[in-house]
Amino acid sequence: MDAARLDGFLADRDTWRATHCSIGKAMDVIGTRSAVLILREAYYGTTRFDDFAKRVGITEAVAASRLRELTAEGLFERQPYKEPGQRTRYEYVLTEKGHDLLPAVLALMQWGDKYLQGEYGPPIGLRDDATGEPVRVEVRSPGREVPLAELRLTPMRPRP
């Protein structure tokens, strides 16, 4: 069976629980379909409320709720704008924290391309703008991709 290697107290899985798990905490922030698709749209350049709702295919109430949550978590920043003759409105701009989720969202896309698109294949390709080369998300150390069986998990702080 392929599995990551566990060091220190992590090796005895019966003596600890993943109560402070970063994956669980991340899912608390972005764990809904609408939240991830709003992030997708932000990576594609969407900034305006109406466009998020329309492009993701969600109601305005759901869009408002998700954007409020993602903004409160620091993934978006609201910035005012005003069209001529209109009232001031707000657009949603990704913060550094929001940008840093890009590899996770692209990893989901890459997995969906491989396992869920069937005979038609991926609808969108990823390429390096500077070189034109394909881009993919990988688990890497310098110079090589690291397979699951060669991934080592080590405690970063004392046992909780």
Protein backbone atom coordinates (compact mmCIF):
# COMPACT_ATOMS: atom_id res chain seq x y z
CA MET A 1 0.00 0.00 0.00
CA ASP A 2 1.29 3.44 -0.90
CA ALA A 3 1.17 5.80 2.03
CA ALA A 4 3.20 8.67 3.37
CA ARG A 5 5.78 7.86 6.03
CA LEU A 6 5.02 9.17 9.49
CA ASP A 7 7.82 10.25 11.87
CA GLY A 8 7.96 10.76 15.61
CA PHE A 9 4.71 10.49 17.54
CA LEU A 10 2.85 10.54 14.20
CA ALA A 11 4.05 6.98 13.54
CA ASP A 12 1.67 5.56 16.19
CA ARG A 13 -1.63 6.58 14.61
CA ASP A 14 -3.65 5.20 17.52
CA THR A 15 -2.20 7.78 19.94
CA TRP A 16 -3.11 11.01 18.13
CA ARG A 17 -5.92 12.63 16.20
CA ALA A 18 -5.64 15.25 13.48
CA THR A 19 -7.48 17.83 15.60
CA HIS A 20 -5.38 20.77 14.41
CA CYS A 21 -5.28 19.62 10.79
CA SER A 22 -4.49 22.33 8.27
CA ILE A 23 -6.56 20.52 5.62
CA GLY A 24 -9.61 20.61 7.89
CA LYS A 25 -9.05 24.29 8.66
CA ALA A 26 -8.70 25.08 4.94
CA MET A 27 -11.92 23.20 4.18
CA ASP A 28 -13.68 25.29 6.83
CA VAL A 29 -12.75 28.33 4.71
CA ILE A 30 -13.26 27.07 1.14
CA GLY A 31 -15.14 23.81 1.57
CA THR A 32 -18.18 24.66 -0.53
CA ARG A 33 -18.55 24.23 -4.27
CA SER A 34 -19.56 27.88 -4.65
CA ALA A 35 -16.50 29.14 -2.72
CA VAL A 36 -14.07 27.19 -4.93
CA LEU A 37 -15.86 28.27 -8.12
CA ILE A 38 -15.80 31.91 -6.99
CA LEU A 39 -12.04 31.53 -6.54
CA ARG A 40 -11.82 29.97 -10.01
CA GLU A 41 -13.60 32.98 -11.47
CA ALA A 42 -11.35 35.39 -9.58
CA TYR A 43 -8.30 33.63 -11.09
CA TYR A 44 -9.93 34.12 -14.50
CA GLY A 45 -10.29 37.87 -13.82
CA THR A 46 -13.80 38.25 -12.40
CA THR A 47 -14.08 40.99 -9.76
CA ARG A 48 -17.70 42.15 -9.75
CA PHE A 49 -20.50 40.68 -7.68
CA ASP A 50 -23.01 40.24 -10.52
CA ASP A 51 -20.39 38.53 -12.66
CA PHE A 52 -19.49 36.06 -9.89
CA ALA A 53 -23.15 35.10 -9.43
CA LYS A 54 -23.77 34.75 -13.18
CA ARG A 55 -20.54 32.93 -14.08
CA VAL A 56 -20.71 30.49 -11.15
CA GLY A 57 -24.44 29.92 -11.65
CA ILE A 58 -25.50 30.74 -8.11
CA THR A 59 -28.14 33.00 -6.64
CA GLU A 60 -27.24 36.51 -5.55
CA ALA A 61 -27.91 35.44 -1.95
CA VAL A 62 -25.36 32.61 -2.18
CA ALA A 63 -22.86 34.86 -3.96
CA ALA A 64 -23.24 37.53 -1.28
CA SER A 65 -22.79 34.97 1.49
CA ARG A 66 -19.70 33.34 -0.04
CA LEU A 67 -18.04 36.63 -0.96
CA ARG A 68 -18.69 37.93 2.56
CA GLU A 69 -17.15 34.77 4.06
CA LEU A 70 -14.14 34.77 1.72
CA THR A 71 -13.58 38.47 2.38
CA ALA A 72 -13.84 37.98 6.16
CA GLU A 73 -11.24 35.20 5.87
CA GLY A 74 -8.91 37.57 4.00
CA LEU A 75 -8.98 35.91 0.57
CA PHE A 76 -10.63 38.93 -1.06
CA GLU A 77 -10.48 42.65 -0.44
CA ARG A 78 -13.43 44.87 -1.30
CA GLN A 79 -12.50 47.90 -3.38
CA PRO A 80 -14.95 50.65 -4.32
CA TYR A 81 -15.69 51.56 -7.93
CA LYS A 82 -18.26 53.81 -9.54
CA GLU A 83 -19.69 53.71 -13.04
CA PRO A 84 -20.70 57.13 -14.44
CA GLY A 85 -24.15 58.06 -13.17
CA GLN A 86 -24.31 55.07 -10.81
CA ARG A 87 -23.88 54.61 -7.08
CA THR A 88 -20.61 53.41 -5.59
CA ARG A 89 -20.30 49.64 -5.66
CA TYR A 90 -17.57 47.22 -4.63
CA GLU A 91 -15.47 44.78 -6.53
CA TYR A 92 -13.69 41.80 -5.00
CA VAL A 93 -9.94 41.60 -5.56
CA LEU A 94 -7.81 38.63 -4.54
CA THR A 95 -5.35 39.19 -1.71
CA GLU A 96 -2.03 37.38 -1.31
CA LYS A 97 -3.88 34.80 0.79
CA GLY A 98 -6.33 34.28 -2.08
CA HIS A 99 -3.55 34.06 -4.66
CA ASP A 100 -1.78 31.46 -2.54
CA LEU A 101 -4.72 29.06 -3.00
CA LEU A 102 -4.09 28.87 -6.75
CA PRO A 103 -2.07 25.61 -6.64
CA ALA A 104 -4.82 23.88 -4.63
CA VAL A 105 -7.54 24.98 -7.05
CA LEU A 106 -5.40 24.02 -10.06
CA ALA A 107 -4.72 20.63 -8.47
CA LEU A 108 -8.49 20.05 -8.26
CA MET A 109 -8.80 21.09 -11.91
CA GLN A 110 -5.97 18.75 -12.93
CA TRP A 111 -7.57 15.84 -11.05
CA GLY A 112 -10.95 16.57 -12.66
CA ASP A 113 -9.31 16.73 -16.09
CA LYS A 114 -7.76 13.31 -15.59
CA TYR A 115 -10.63 11.44 -13.95
CA LEU A 116 -13.89 13.24 -14.75
CA GLN A 117 -13.75 14.58 -18.30
CA GLY A 118 -14.06 11.24 -20.07
CA GLU A 119 -13.41 10.91 -23.78
CA TYR A 120 -13.52 14.66 -24.41
CA GLY A 121 -10.54 15.50 -22.22
CA PRO A 122 -9.80 18.77 -20.44
CA PRO A 123 -11.80 21.82 -21.53
CA ILE A 124 -8.98 24.23 -20.64
CA GLY A 125 -5.21 23.81 -20.81
CA LEU A 126 -2.60 25.44 -18.58
CA ARG A 127 0.50 26.88 -20.22
CA ASP A 128 3.41 29.01 -19.08
CA ASP A 129 2.84 32.39 -20.76
CA ALA A 130 6.59 32.99 -21.11
CA THR A 131 7.51 29.63 -22.69
CA GLY A 132 4.26 28.11 -23.93
CA GLU A 133 5.10 24.92 -22.05
CA PRO A 134 2.33 22.97 -20.29
CA VAL A 135 1.97 23.61 -16.55
CA ARG A 136 0.94 21.04 -13.95
CA VAL A 137 0.72 20.92 -10.18
CA GLU A 138 3.09 18.45 -8.51
CA VAL A 139 4.39 17.48 -5.09
CA ARG A 140 8.09 18.30 -5.49
CA SER A 141 11.34 18.63 -3.71
CA PRO A 142 14.15 20.41 -5.57
CA GLY A 143 14.77 18.52 -8.77
CA ARG A 144 12.12 15.80 -8.63
CA GLU A 145 8.49 14.88 -8.17
CA VAL A 146 7.93 13.06 -4.86
CA PRO A 147 5.49 10.10 -4.94
CA LEU A 148 3.21 9.46 -1.97
CA ALA A 149 5.26 6.47 -0.77
CA GLU A 150 8.34 8.73 -0.54
CA LEU A 151 6.61 11.59 1.26
CA ARG A 152 7.59 11.91 4.94
CA LEU A 153 5.34 13.69 7.43
CA THR A 154 7.19 15.04 10.46
CA PRO A 155 5.86 16.76 13.59
CA MET A 156 6.47 20.51 13.47
CA ARG A 157 5.56 21.14 17.11
CA PRO A 158 5.18 19.06 20.27
CA ARG A 159 2.35 16.60 20.58
CA PRO A 160 -0.92 18.41 21.33
